[in-house]
Amino acid sequence: MITTTELAQVLFVTPLQPSDELSPAQIRSAVDERLCACGGDPSWCAAYVAQEAGDHPETYAPRMRWALAAVAGAYEPVAA
C-alpha cells in the first residue's frame, strides 16, 4: 500500500502545476502514469524530490504542500 506521502512525492515529479485546475481523476491518472514510468517504485520519486529540495528549497515547500493537498483530495474515500 502506498502512503499519502509517497503519492505526493510521485505527484511532485509530474509536470502538473499547482496553477492547473485539475480534477481528482487527472491527478490520479498523472500519479499512475509516473508510477508506471518508475517501474512502480515510489522511492525513485522520493530521491528526485530530495534532490529538488536541495537544489530549489524556495519552491520545494509550496509544491510539496500542494502535492500533499492534491493527493489527499484525489484519493479520499467517497462517502456512501
Protein backbone atom coordinates (compact mmCIF):
# COMPACT_ATOMS: atom_id res chain seq x y z
CA MET A 1 0.00 0.00 0.00
CA ILE A 2 1.33 3.41 -0.97
CA THR A 3 1.07 6.19 1.61
CA THR A 4 -0.24 9.71 1.05
CA THR A 5 3.32 11.00 1.38
CA GLU A 6 4.55 8.61 -1.31
CA LEU A 7 1.68 9.59 -3.60
CA ALA A 8 2.55 13.25 -3.05
CA GLN A 9 6.18 12.58 -3.94
CA VAL A 10 5.06 10.91 -7.15
CA LEU A 11 2.77 13.85 -7.99
CA PHE A 12 5.60 16.26 -7.16
CA VAL A 13 7.69 14.89 -10.04
CA THR A 14 4.93 15.12 -12.65
CA PRO A 15 4.69 18.12 -14.96
CA LEU A 16 1.38 19.14 -13.37
CA GLN A 17 1.37 22.57 -11.77
CA PRO A 18 -0.47 23.95 -8.75
CA SER A 19 -1.93 26.64 -11.01
CA ASP A 20 -3.62 23.98 -13.18
CA GLU A 21 -7.28 23.37 -12.46
CA LEU A 22 -7.11 19.60 -12.04
CA SER A 23 -9.81 17.09 -11.31
CA PRO A 24 -9.17 14.21 -8.91
CA ALA A 25 -9.20 11.88 -11.93
CA GLN A 26 -6.46 13.90 -13.65
CA ILE A 27 -4.32 13.79 -10.51
CA ARG A 28 -4.78 10.03 -10.10
CA SER A 29 -4.01 9.49 -13.79
CA ALA A 30 -0.80 11.54 -13.61
CA VAL A 31 0.31 9.68 -10.48
CA ASP A 32 -0.45 6.31 -12.10
CA GLU A 33 1.47 7.24 -15.27
CA ARG A 34 4.51 8.45 -13.33
CA LEU A 35 4.48 5.39 -11.08
CA CYS A 36 4.40 3.12 -14.13
CA ALA A 37 7.30 5.07 -15.66
CA CYS A 38 9.25 4.45 -12.45
CA GLY A 39 8.54 0.74 -12.52
CA GLY A 40 6.08 1.09 -9.66
CA ASP A 41 8.85 2.15 -7.28
CA PRO A 42 7.94 5.37 -5.43
CA SER A 43 11.46 5.53 -3.95
CA TRP A 44 12.74 6.80 -7.33
CA CYS A 45 10.38 9.75 -6.97
CA ALA A 46 11.48 10.30 -3.36
CA ALA A 47 15.11 10.57 -4.50
CA TYR A 48 14.17 13.16 -7.13
CA VAL A 49 12.14 15.13 -4.56
CA ALA A 50 15.12 15.16 -2.19
CA GLN A 51 17.35 16.47 -4.97
CA GLU A 52 14.84 19.21 -5.81
CA ALA A 53 14.57 20.17 -2.14
CA GLY A 54 18.32 20.69 -2.04
CA ASP A 55 18.56 22.42 -5.42
CA HIS A 56 15.45 24.62 -5.10
CA PRO A 57 14.47 24.97 -1.44
CA GLU A 58 12.47 28.10 -2.15
CA THR A 59 9.99 26.20 -4.35
CA TYR A 60 10.11 22.82 -2.64
CA ALA A 61 7.84 23.55 0.34
CA PRO A 62 4.99 25.21 -1.58
CA ARG A 63 5.00 22.49 -4.24
CA MET A 64 5.05 19.69 -1.66
CA ARG A 65 2.18 21.32 0.28
CA TRP A 66 0.22 21.45 -2.98
CA ALA A 67 1.07 17.83 -3.80
CA LEU A 68 0.02 16.61 -0.35
CA ALA A 69 -3.28 18.50 -0.51
CA ALA A 70 -3.93 17.39 -4.09
CA VAL A 71 -3.45 13.69 -3.41
CA ALA A 72 -5.42 13.91 -0.17
CA GLY A 73 -8.34 15.29 -2.17
CA ALA A 74 -7.89 12.97 -5.14
CA TYR A 75 -7.62 9.78 -3.08
CA GLU A 76 -10.04 10.50 -0.24
CA PRO A 77 -12.70 7.85 0.17
CA VAL A 78 -16.02 8.66 -1.44
CA ALA A 79 -18.82 8.98 1.11
CA ALA A 80 -21.52 6.36 0.68
